[in-house]
Structure formats: structure tokens, C-alpha cells
Amino acid sequence: MFNNLSPALRQGTFFSVNSGIITTLGLIAGITQSTTNYIVVIVSVVSLAISDSVSEAYGLYISKKAEKPNDKGTSPFNSFMGLLVIKFVVVMSFLIPFLFSKSLKYYKNLVWPLGWAIILLTILDCQLAKMRNEKKEDYIFKHIIIVSIVVILAKYFGKKIAQ
């Protein structure tokens, strides 16, 4: 699936999926501890989708330009576009339950965000492991550790700050 992408587009895609999942999960884990207003969650996630997608995409673009100053090819732009579009879509996908209900129940208990994150990260990890001929368990285990740390810290500080 990802083997057919150019290396720059593949880089932007893998970076954006990973980053989009972890940052959105952290945001939701923290913010749902301090609000009962679903509008606050929606605005926060949409703001993250816009600002973080543009910021990281342009950061990657500039970084790739600096990496090879004499390269006039399309690689930086391809990375930029891959990251921008995919990250925006991934972050916005965390709002899917709001299409069916305005309840924060699935967000506060983290059932939806964690479940969705695990599904997407497992797909990402399996694809990367397959491309590299490595064990997918190594990638999945690392993601579980990182996601756990982010969720625990964000939830903890969300509760503390709300007090």
C-alpha cells in the first residue's frame, strides 16, 4: 500500500498519522477532564487539525529544503502535502462520534479515542514492519508505551489544572 508512494510522500504520511494520533489523543485525554461541553472538545480538535497540520507540514517542508539545499526537486513539497492532508484527516477523524451523539461519555472514559488510536497505529505499525521486514510487535509495543505515557500525563494534568 505505502510502497507505491514516493519516499517523501511516504515520510509525510507516516509522520502525520503517528503525530496526529498521539497529539489528538493527548489533547482529548487532557481537555475532557476539565469540561463537560462538547463544543469545547470539537473546537479544540478542529483548531489542532488546522494549526498542527499546517505547522508541522511547513516545518517538514523547510527541514527538507535545509537538508539538501541544492535539490530543486519536488520532494519537500510532496512531504508537505502528504503531512498536511493526512494529518488533518487523521485528527478530524477523532470527531466521528459527534456525528451520532453530542455526548462526551466516550471521550471522557477514553473508549473511543484509545480504540481509534490503537486501530490506526496498529495499521501503521503493520505497514511499516512489512515494508522493513521487521516484527510488527516491536512497533506496536513502543506505540503502546508512548500512548500510555501521553494519556496518563495528559489526563493527570487535565484533572489537576481543572481543580
N, C-alpha and C. Protein backbone atom coordinates (compact mmCIF):
# COMPACT_ATOMS: atom_id res chain seq x y z
N MET A 1 0.81 -1.20 0.00
CA MET A 1 0.00 0.00 0.00
C MET A 1 0.86 1.27 0.00
N PHE A 2 1.80 1.37 0.95
CA PHE A 2 2.64 2.56 1.05
C PHE A 2 3.90 2.46 0.19
N ASN A 3 4.21 1.25 -0.28
CA ASN A 3 5.41 1.06 -1.10
C ASN A 3 5.34 1.84 -2.40
N ASN A 4 4.13 2.09 -2.91
CA ASN A 4 3.98 2.78 -4.19
C ASN A 4 4.10 4.30 -4.07
N LEU A 5 4.14 4.81 -2.85
CA LEU A 5 4.28 6.26 -2.65
C LEU A 5 5.73 6.67 -2.83
N SER A 6 5.94 7.90 -3.24
CA SER A 6 7.31 8.41 -3.29
C SER A 6 7.85 8.45 -1.87
N PRO A 7 9.16 8.34 -1.67
CA PRO A 7 9.71 8.37 -0.32
C PRO A 7 9.30 9.62 0.46
N ALA A 8 9.24 10.76 -0.19
CA ALA A 8 8.87 12.00 0.50
C ALA A 8 7.41 11.96 0.95
N LEU A 9 6.54 11.50 0.09
CA LEU A 9 5.12 11.41 0.43
C LEU A 9 4.90 10.36 1.52
N ARG A 10 5.63 9.26 1.42
CA ARG A 10 5.55 8.20 2.45
C ARG A 10 6.02 8.75 3.80
N GLN A 11 7.10 9.51 3.79
CA GLN A 11 7.61 10.10 5.02
C GLN A 11 6.57 11.02 5.65
N GLY A 12 5.98 11.89 4.84
CA GLY A 12 4.96 12.80 5.35
C GLY A 12 3.75 12.06 5.87
N THR A 13 3.38 10.99 5.20
CA THR A 13 2.22 10.21 5.60
C THR A 13 2.46 9.50 6.93
N PHE A 14 3.56 8.80 7.07
CA PHE A 14 3.85 8.09 8.32
C PHE A 14 4.02 9.08 9.48
N PHE A 15 4.71 10.17 9.23
CA PHE A 15 4.89 11.17 10.28
C PHE A 15 3.55 11.74 10.72
N SER A 16 2.71 12.08 9.75
CA SER A 16 1.44 12.73 10.09
C SER A 16 0.47 11.80 10.81
N VAL A 17 0.40 10.55 10.40
CA VAL A 17 -0.50 9.62 11.07
C VAL A 17 -0.06 9.43 12.51
N ASN A 18 1.21 9.17 12.72
CA ASN A 18 1.74 8.98 14.06
C ASN A 18 1.53 10.22 14.92
N SER A 19 1.94 11.35 14.43
CA SER A 19 1.83 12.60 15.17
C SER A 19 0.37 12.99 15.41
N GLY A 20 -0.45 12.85 14.40
CA GLY A 20 -1.86 13.21 14.53
C GLY A 20 -2.57 12.40 15.58
N ILE A 21 -2.28 11.12 15.63
CA ILE A 21 -2.92 10.26 16.61
C ILE A 21 -2.48 10.61 18.02
N ILE A 22 -1.19 10.70 18.22
CA ILE A 22 -0.67 10.91 19.57
C ILE A 22 -1.03 12.30 20.10
N THR A 23 -0.91 13.34 19.28
CA THR A 23 -1.26 14.68 19.77
C THR A 23 -2.76 14.81 20.04
N THR A 24 -3.58 14.25 19.17
CA THR A 24 -5.03 14.35 19.36
C THR A 24 -5.47 13.56 20.58
N LEU A 25 -4.91 12.39 20.75
CA LEU A 25 -5.24 11.58 21.92
C LEU A 25 -4.85 12.31 23.20
N GLY A 26 -3.68 12.92 23.22
CA GLY A 26 -3.26 13.69 24.39
C GLY A 26 -4.18 14.87 24.65
N LEU A 27 -4.54 15.58 23.61
CA LEU A 27 -5.45 16.72 23.75
C LEU A 27 -6.79 16.27 24.33
N ILE A 28 -7.36 15.23 23.76
CA ILE A 28 -8.66 14.74 24.22
C ILE A 28 -8.58 14.22 25.65
N ALA A 29 -7.52 13.48 25.97
CA ALA A 29 -7.37 12.94 27.33
C ALA A 29 -7.30 14.06 28.35
N GLY A 30 -6.63 15.16 28.01
CA GLY A 30 -6.50 16.27 28.95
C GLY A 30 -7.72 17.15 29.02
N ILE A 31 -8.24 17.53 27.87
CA ILE A 31 -9.32 18.51 27.84
C ILE A 31 -10.64 17.94 28.36
N THR A 32 -10.89 16.66 28.15
CA THR A 32 -12.15 16.10 28.63
C THR A 32 -12.20 15.95 30.15
N GLN A 33 -11.07 16.14 30.80
CA GLN A 33 -11.05 16.09 32.26
C GLN A 33 -11.51 17.42 32.86
N SER A 34 -11.54 18.46 32.03
CA SER A 34 -11.85 19.79 32.57
C SER A 34 -13.12 20.42 31.99
N THR A 35 -13.82 19.72 31.10
CA THR A 35 -15.03 20.31 30.52
C THR A 35 -16.13 19.27 30.34
N THR A 36 -17.33 19.74 30.36
CA THR A 36 -18.48 18.89 30.04
C THR A 36 -19.16 19.40 28.77
N ASN A 37 -18.52 20.35 28.12
CA ASN A 37 -19.07 20.98 26.93
C ASN A 37 -18.45 20.36 25.68
N TYR A 38 -19.27 19.68 24.90
CA TYR A 38 -18.76 19.02 23.70
C TYR A 38 -18.25 20.03 22.66
N ILE A 39 -18.77 21.25 22.67
CA ILE A 39 -18.31 22.28 21.73
C ILE A 39 -16.84 22.60 21.98
N VAL A 40 -16.43 22.64 23.23
CA VAL A 40 -15.03 22.92 23.57
C VAL A 40 -14.12 21.83 22.97
N VAL A 41 -14.56 20.60 23.06
CA VAL A 41 -13.77 19.50 22.50
C VAL A 41 -13.70 19.61 20.98
N ILE A 42 -14.81 19.87 20.35
CA ILE A 42 -14.84 20.00 18.89
C ILE A 42 -13.95 21.15 18.43
N VAL A 43 -14.09 22.31 19.05
CA VAL A 43 -13.28 23.47 18.66
C VAL A 43 -11.80 23.18 18.89
N SER A 44 -11.48 22.53 19.98
CA SER A 44 -10.07 22.20 20.27
C SER A 44 -9.49 21.25 19.23
N VAL A 45 -10.24 20.23 18.87
CA VAL A 45 -9.75 19.26 17.89
C VAL A 45 -9.64 19.90 16.49
N VAL A 46 -10.62 20.69 16.10
CA VAL A 46 -10.55 21.38 14.80
C VAL A 46 -9.37 22.35 14.78
N SER A 47 -9.18 23.09 15.86
CA SER A 47 -8.04 24.01 15.95
C SER A 47 -6.72 23.27 15.84
N LEU A 48 -6.64 22.12 16.51
CA LEU A 48 -5.45 21.29 16.43
C LEU A 48 -5.23 20.80 15.00
N ALA A 49 -6.31 20.35 14.37
CA ALA A 49 -6.20 19.84 12.99
C ALA A 49 -5.63 20.91 12.06
N ILE A 50 -6.10 22.12 12.22
CA ILE A 50 -5.64 23.21 11.35
C ILE A 50 -4.22 23.63 11.70
N SER A 51 -4.02 24.04 12.95
CA SER A 51 -2.73 24.63 13.33
C SER A 51 -1.59 23.63 13.31
N ASP A 52 -1.82 22.45 13.84
CA ASP A 52 -0.74 21.46 13.90
C ASP A 52 -0.41 20.90 12.52
N SER A 53 -1.44 20.71 11.69
CA SER A 53 -1.19 20.20 10.33
C SER A 53 -0.35 21.19 9.53
N VAL A 54 -0.74 22.45 9.56
CA VAL A 54 0.00 23.47 8.80
C VAL A 54 1.40 23.66 9.38
N SER A 55 1.48 23.76 10.70
CA SER A 55 2.76 23.99 11.35
C SER A 55 3.77 22.86 11.07
N GLU A 56 3.34 21.63 11.28
CA GLU A 56 4.26 20.51 11.06
C GLU A 56 4.56 20.30 9.58
N ALA A 57 3.58 20.50 8.73
CA ALA A 57 3.82 20.33 7.29
C ALA A 57 4.85 21.35 6.80
N TYR A 58 4.67 22.59 7.22
CA TYR A 58 5.62 23.61 6.78
C TYR A 58 6.99 23.40 7.43
N GLY A 59 6.99 22.95 8.68
CA GLY A 59 8.25 22.64 9.35
C GLY A 59 9.01 21.54 8.63
N LEU A 60 8.29 20.50 8.19
CA LEU A 60 8.93 19.43 7.43
C LEU A 60 9.42 19.93 6.08
N TYR A 61 8.63 20.77 5.44
CA TYR A 61 9.00 21.36 4.15
C TYR A 61 10.32 22.13 4.28
N ILE A 62 10.39 23.01 5.27
CA ILE A 62 11.60 23.80 5.48
C ILE A 62 12.78 22.91 5.85
N SER A 63 12.53 21.92 6.67
CA SER A 63 13.57 21.00 7.09
C SER A 63 14.14 20.21 5.90
N LYS A 64 13.26 19.76 5.01
CA LYS A 64 13.73 19.04 3.82
C LYS A 64 14.50 19.97 2.87
N LYS A 65 14.08 21.23 2.80
CA LYS A 65 14.83 22.21 1.98
C LYS A 65 16.23 22.41 2.56
N ALA A 66 16.33 22.48 3.88
CA ALA A 66 17.62 22.69 4.54
C ALA A 66 18.50 21.44 4.46
N GLU A 67 17.87 20.28 4.43
CA GLU A 67 18.60 19.02 4.38
C GLU A 67 19.43 18.91 3.10
N LYS A 68 18.85 19.31 1.99
CA LYS A 68 19.54 19.25 0.69
C LYS A 68 19.36 20.59 -0.01
N PRO A 69 20.17 21.59 0.34
CA PRO A 69 19.98 22.95 -0.19
C PRO A 69 20.05 23.05 -1.72
N ASN A 70 20.76 22.16 -2.38
CA ASN A 70 20.90 22.24 -3.83
C ASN A 70 19.84 21.44 -4.59
N ASP A 71 19.01 20.70 -3.88
CA ASP A 71 17.98 19.89 -4.50
C ASP A 71 16.79 20.79 -4.85
N LYS A 72 16.46 20.88 -6.12
CA LYS A 72 15.33 21.70 -6.58
C LYS A 72 14.11 20.84 -6.95
N GLY A 73 14.11 19.59 -6.52
CA GLY A 73 13.03 18.67 -6.84
C GLY A 73 11.77 18.93 -6.03
N THR A 74 10.81 18.04 -6.19
CA THR A 74 9.51 18.20 -5.54
C THR A 74 9.39 17.47 -4.20
N SER A 75 10.46 16.85 -3.75
CA SER A 75 10.41 16.08 -2.51
C SER A 75 9.91 16.89 -1.31
N PRO A 76 10.42 18.10 -1.07
CA PRO A 76 9.89 18.88 0.07
C PRO A 76 8.40 19.17 -0.05
N PHE A 77 7.95 19.51 -1.25
CA PHE A 77 6.54 19.80 -1.45
C PHE A 77 5.68 18.55 -1.25
N ASN A 78 6.15 17.40 -1.74
CA ASN A 78 5.42 16.15 -1.57
C ASN A 78 5.27 15.79 -0.09
N SER A 79 6.34 15.98 0.67
CA SER A 79 6.28 15.73 2.11
C SER A 79 5.30 16.68 2.77
N PHE A 80 5.36 17.95 2.37
CA PHE A 80 4.46 18.97 2.89
C PHE A 80 3.00 18.57 2.66
N MET A 81 2.67 18.23 1.43
CA MET A 81 1.29 17.91 1.09
C MET A 81 0.82 16.63 1.79
N GLY A 82 1.68 15.62 1.81
CA GLY A 82 1.33 14.37 2.48
C GLY A 82 1.01 14.60 3.94
N LEU A 83 1.89 15.33 4.61
CA LEU A 83 1.68 15.59 6.03
C LEU A 83 0.45 16.46 6.25
N LEU A 84 0.30 17.51 5.50
CA LEU A 84 -0.81 18.44 5.67
C LEU A 84 -2.17 17.75 5.54
N VAL A 85 -2.36 17.05 4.46
CA VAL A 85 -3.66 16.44 4.19
C VAL A 85 -3.93 15.27 5.13
N ILE A 86 -2.98 14.36 5.26
CA ILE A 86 -3.21 13.17 6.06
C ILE A 86 -3.37 13.52 7.54
N LYS A 87 -2.56 14.43 8.05
CA LYS A 87 -2.68 14.78 9.46
C LYS A 87 -4.03 15.44 9.73
N PHE A 88 -4.45 16.33 8.85
CA PHE A 88 -5.75 16.98 9.03
C PHE A 88 -6.86 15.93 9.10
N VAL A 89 -6.84 14.98 8.19
CA VAL A 89 -7.88 13.94 8.14
C VAL A 89 -7.82 13.06 9.39
N VAL A 90 -6.62 12.66 9.79
CA VAL A 90 -6.46 11.80 10.97
C VAL A 90 -6.98 12.51 12.22
N VAL A 91 -6.59 13.75 12.42
CA VAL A 91 -7.03 14.50 13.61
C VAL A 91 -8.55 14.66 13.59
N MET A 92 -9.10 15.04 12.46
CA MET A 92 -10.55 15.24 12.36
C MET A 92 -11.32 13.92 12.56
N SER A 93 -10.70 12.79 12.24
CA SER A 93 -11.39 11.51 12.39
C SER A 93 -11.74 11.21 13.84
N PHE A 94 -11.07 11.85 14.78
CA PHE A 94 -11.39 11.63 16.19
C PHE A 94 -12.74 12.25 16.57
N LEU A 95 -13.32 13.04 15.69
CA LEU A 95 -14.62 13.66 15.95
C LEU A 95 -15.79 12.84 15.41
N ILE A 96 -15.52 11.71 14.80
CA ILE A 96 -16.57 10.89 14.19
C ILE A 96 -17.75 10.62 15.13
N PRO A 97 -17.54 10.28 16.40
CA PRO A 97 -18.71 10.01 17.26
C PRO A 97 -19.68 11.18 17.38
N PHE A 98 -19.19 12.40 17.20
CA PHE A 98 -20.09 13.56 17.29
C PHE A 98 -21.08 13.62 16.14
N LEU A 99 -20.87 12.84 15.10
CA LEU A 99 -21.84 12.77 14.01
C LEU A 99 -23.10 12.05 14.47
N PHE A 100 -22.97 11.25 15.53
CA PHE A 100 -24.08 10.43 16.00
C PHE A 100 -24.62 10.86 17.36
N SER A 101 -23.79 11.52 18.16
CA SER A 101 -24.21 11.91 19.51
C SER A 101 -23.37 13.08 19.98
N LYS A 102 -23.97 13.92 20.78
CA LYS A 102 -23.24 15.08 21.34
C LYS A 102 -22.69 14.75 22.73
N SER A 103 -22.76 13.50 23.12
CA SER A 103 -22.30 13.08 24.44
C SER A 103 -20.78 13.00 24.48
N LEU A 104 -20.24 13.39 25.62
CA LEU A 104 -18.79 13.28 25.84
C LEU A 104 -18.41 11.97 26.53
N LYS A 105 -19.40 11.11 26.76
CA LYS A 105 -19.16 9.88 27.51
C LYS A 105 -18.00 9.06 26.93
N TYR A 106 -18.00 8.87 25.64
CA TYR A 106 -16.97 8.04 25.01
C TYR A 106 -15.61 8.74 24.97
N TYR A 107 -15.61 10.03 25.17
CA TYR A 107 -14.37 10.79 25.21
C TYR A 107 -13.80 10.83 26.63
N LYS A 108 -14.66 11.07 27.60
CA LYS A 108 -14.21 11.15 28.99
C LYS A 108 -13.62 9.83 29.47
N ASN A 109 -14.27 8.72 29.09
CA ASN A 109 -13.73 7.43 29.52
C ASN A 109 -12.66 6.92 28.55
N LEU A 110 -12.40 7.67 27.50
CA LEU A 110 -11.36 7.42 26.51
C LEU A 110 -11.56 6.15 25.68
N VAL A 111 -12.76 5.58 25.71
CA VAL A 111 -13.02 4.37 24.92
C VAL A 111 -12.83 4.64 23.44
N TRP A 112 -13.47 5.68 22.92
CA TRP A 112 -13.35 6.00 21.50
C TRP A 112 -11.92 6.45 21.13
N PRO A 113 -11.36 7.45 21.79
CA PRO A 113 -10.04 7.91 21.37
C PRO A 113 -8.97 6.81 21.45
N LEU A 114 -8.97 6.04 22.52
CA LEU A 114 -7.97 4.97 22.65
C LEU A 114 -8.22 3.86 21.63
N GLY A 115 -9.46 3.46 21.47
CA GLY A 115 -9.76 2.41 20.50
C GLY A 115 -9.38 2.81 19.09
N TRP A 116 -9.75 4.03 18.71
CA TRP A 116 -9.43 4.53 17.37
C TRP A 116 -7.92 4.66 17.19
N ALA A 117 -7.24 5.15 18.20
CA ALA A 117 -5.78 5.29 18.14
C ALA A 117 -5.11 3.94 17.97
N ILE A 118 -5.57 2.95 18.71
CA ILE A 118 -4.97 1.62 18.62
C ILE A 118 -5.19 1.01 17.23
N ILE A 119 -6.39 1.19 16.69
CA ILE A 119 -6.66 0.67 15.34
C ILE A 119 -5.74 1.33 14.31
N LEU A 120 -5.68 2.65 14.32
CA LEU A 120 -4.86 3.36 13.33
C LEU A 120 -3.37 3.07 13.51
N LEU A 121 -2.89 3.07 14.75
CA LEU A 121 -1.47 2.82 14.99
C LEU A 121 -1.09 1.38 14.64
N THR A 122 -1.99 0.45 14.87
CA THR A 122 -1.70 -0.94 14.51
C THR A 122 -1.58 -1.08 12.99
N ILE A 123 -2.46 -0.43 12.25
CA ILE A 123 -2.36 -0.45 10.78
C ILE A 123 -1.03 0.17 10.35
N LEU A 124 -0.69 1.30 10.93
CA LEU A 124 0.57 1.97 10.60
C LEU A 124 1.77 1.08 10.92
N ASP A 125 1.76 0.49 12.12
CA ASP A 125 2.88 -0.36 12.54
C ASP A 125 3.02 -1.60 11.68
N CYS A 126 1.90 -2.19 11.32
CA CYS A 126 1.94 -3.39 10.46
C CYS A 126 2.49 -3.05 9.09
N GLN A 127 2.09 -1.91 8.55
CA GLN A 127 2.60 -1.49 7.23
C GLN A 127 4.11 -1.23 7.28
N LEU A 128 4.55 -0.52 8.31
CA LEU A 128 5.98 -0.21 8.42
C LEU A 128 6.80 -1.47 8.65
N ALA A 129 6.33 -2.35 9.51
CA ALA A 129 7.05 -3.60 9.77
C ALA A 129 7.14 -4.44 8.50
N LYS A 130 6.06 -4.47 7.73
CA LYS A 130 6.05 -5.22 6.47
C LYS A 130 7.05 -4.62 5.48
N MET A 131 7.06 -3.29 5.38
CA MET A 131 7.98 -2.62 4.44
C MET A 131 9.44 -2.87 4.82
N ARG A 132 9.70 -2.95 6.12
CA ARG A 132 11.08 -3.09 6.60
C ARG A 132 11.45 -4.54 6.92
N ASN A 133 10.51 -5.47 6.73
CA ASN A 133 10.73 -6.87 7.08
C ASN A 133 11.16 -7.03 8.54
N GLU A 134 10.41 -6.37 9.41
CA GLU A 134 10.69 -6.43 10.84
C GLU A 134 9.43 -6.92 11.55
N LYS A 135 9.58 -7.21 12.84
CA LYS A 135 8.44 -7.69 13.62
C LYS A 135 7.52 -6.53 13.99
N LYS A 136 6.23 -6.67 13.70
CA LYS A 136 5.27 -5.61 14.00
C LYS A 136 5.11 -5.41 15.50
N GLU A 137 5.34 -6.45 16.28
CA GLU A 137 5.20 -6.35 17.73
C GLU A 137 6.14 -5.29 18.32
N ASP A 138 7.32 -5.16 17.73
CA ASP A 138 8.27 -4.15 18.22
C ASP A 138 7.69 -2.74 18.09
N TYR A 139 7.06 -2.46 16.97
CA TYR A 139 6.46 -1.15 16.74
C TYR A 139 5.22 -0.95 17.61
N ILE A 140 4.39 -1.97 17.66
CA ILE A 140 3.15 -1.88 18.44
C ILE A 140 3.46 -1.66 19.91
N PHE A 141 4.42 -2.40 20.44
CA PHE A 141 4.80 -2.27 21.85
C PHE A 141 5.28 -0.84 22.16
N LYS A 142 6.11 -0.30 21.30
CA LYS A 142 6.61 1.07 21.51
C LYS A 142 5.47 2.08 21.47
N HIS A 143 4.55 1.89 20.56
CA HIS A 143 3.41 2.80 20.48
C HIS A 143 2.52 2.70 21.72
N ILE A 144 2.35 1.50 22.23
CA ILE A 144 1.55 1.33 23.45
C ILE A 144 2.19 2.08 24.61
N ILE A 145 3.49 1.98 24.73
CA ILE A 145 4.22 2.69 25.80
C ILE A 145 4.05 4.20 25.64
N ILE A 146 4.29 4.70 24.44
CA ILE A 146 4.19 6.15 24.19
C ILE A 146 2.77 6.65 24.42
N VAL A 147 1.79 5.95 23.89
CA VAL A 147 0.39 6.35 24.05
C VAL A 147 0.00 6.32 25.53
N SER A 148 0.44 5.31 26.24
CA SER A 148 0.13 5.21 27.67
C SER A 148 0.70 6.40 28.44
N ILE A 149 1.93 6.74 28.17
CA ILE A 149 2.56 7.88 28.85
C ILE A 149 1.81 9.17 28.54
N VAL A 150 1.49 9.39 27.28
CA VAL A 150 0.78 10.61 26.87
C VAL A 150 -0.59 10.68 27.53
N VAL A 151 -1.34 9.60 27.50
CA VAL A 151 -2.69 9.59 28.07
C VAL A 151 -2.64 9.79 29.58
N ILE A 152 -1.77 9.08 30.26
CA ILE A 152 -1.67 9.21 31.72
C ILE A 152 -1.30 10.63 32.12
N LEU A 153 -0.28 11.18 31.47
CA LEU A 153 0.15 12.55 31.82
C LEU A 153 -0.91 13.59 31.47
N ALA A 154 -1.49 13.49 30.28
CA ALA A 154 -2.50 14.47 29.86
C ALA A 154 -3.73 14.41 30.75
N LYS A 155 -4.16 13.21 31.07
CA LYS A 155 -5.34 13.04 31.93
C LYS A 155 -5.04 13.57 33.33
N TYR A 156 -3.88 13.24 33.85
CA TYR A 156 -3.47 13.69 35.19
C TYR A 156 -3.44 15.21 35.27
N PHE A 157 -2.74 15.83 34.33
CA PHE A 157 -2.62 17.29 34.36
C PHE A 157 -3.95 17.97 34.02
N GLY A 158 -4.76 17.35 33.18
CA GLY A 158 -6.10 17.89 32.91
C GLY A 158 -6.93 17.95 34.18
N LYS A 159 -6.87 16.89 34.99
CA LYS A 159 -7.61 16.87 36.25
C LYS A 159 -7.03 17.88 37.24
N LYS A 160 -5.71 17.92 37.35
CA LYS A 160 -5.07 18.83 38.30
C LYS A 160 -5.34 20.29 37.97
N ILE A 161 -5.24 20.63 36.71
CA ILE A 161 -5.46 22.01 36.29
C ILE A 161 -6.93 22.40 36.47
N ALA A 162 -7.84 21.45 36.23
CA ALA A 162 -9.27 21.71 36.40
C ALA A 162 -9.63 21.99 37.86
N GLN A 163 -8.83 21.45 38.79
CA GLN A 163 -9.09 21.67 40.21
C GLN A 163 -8.68 23.07 40.58
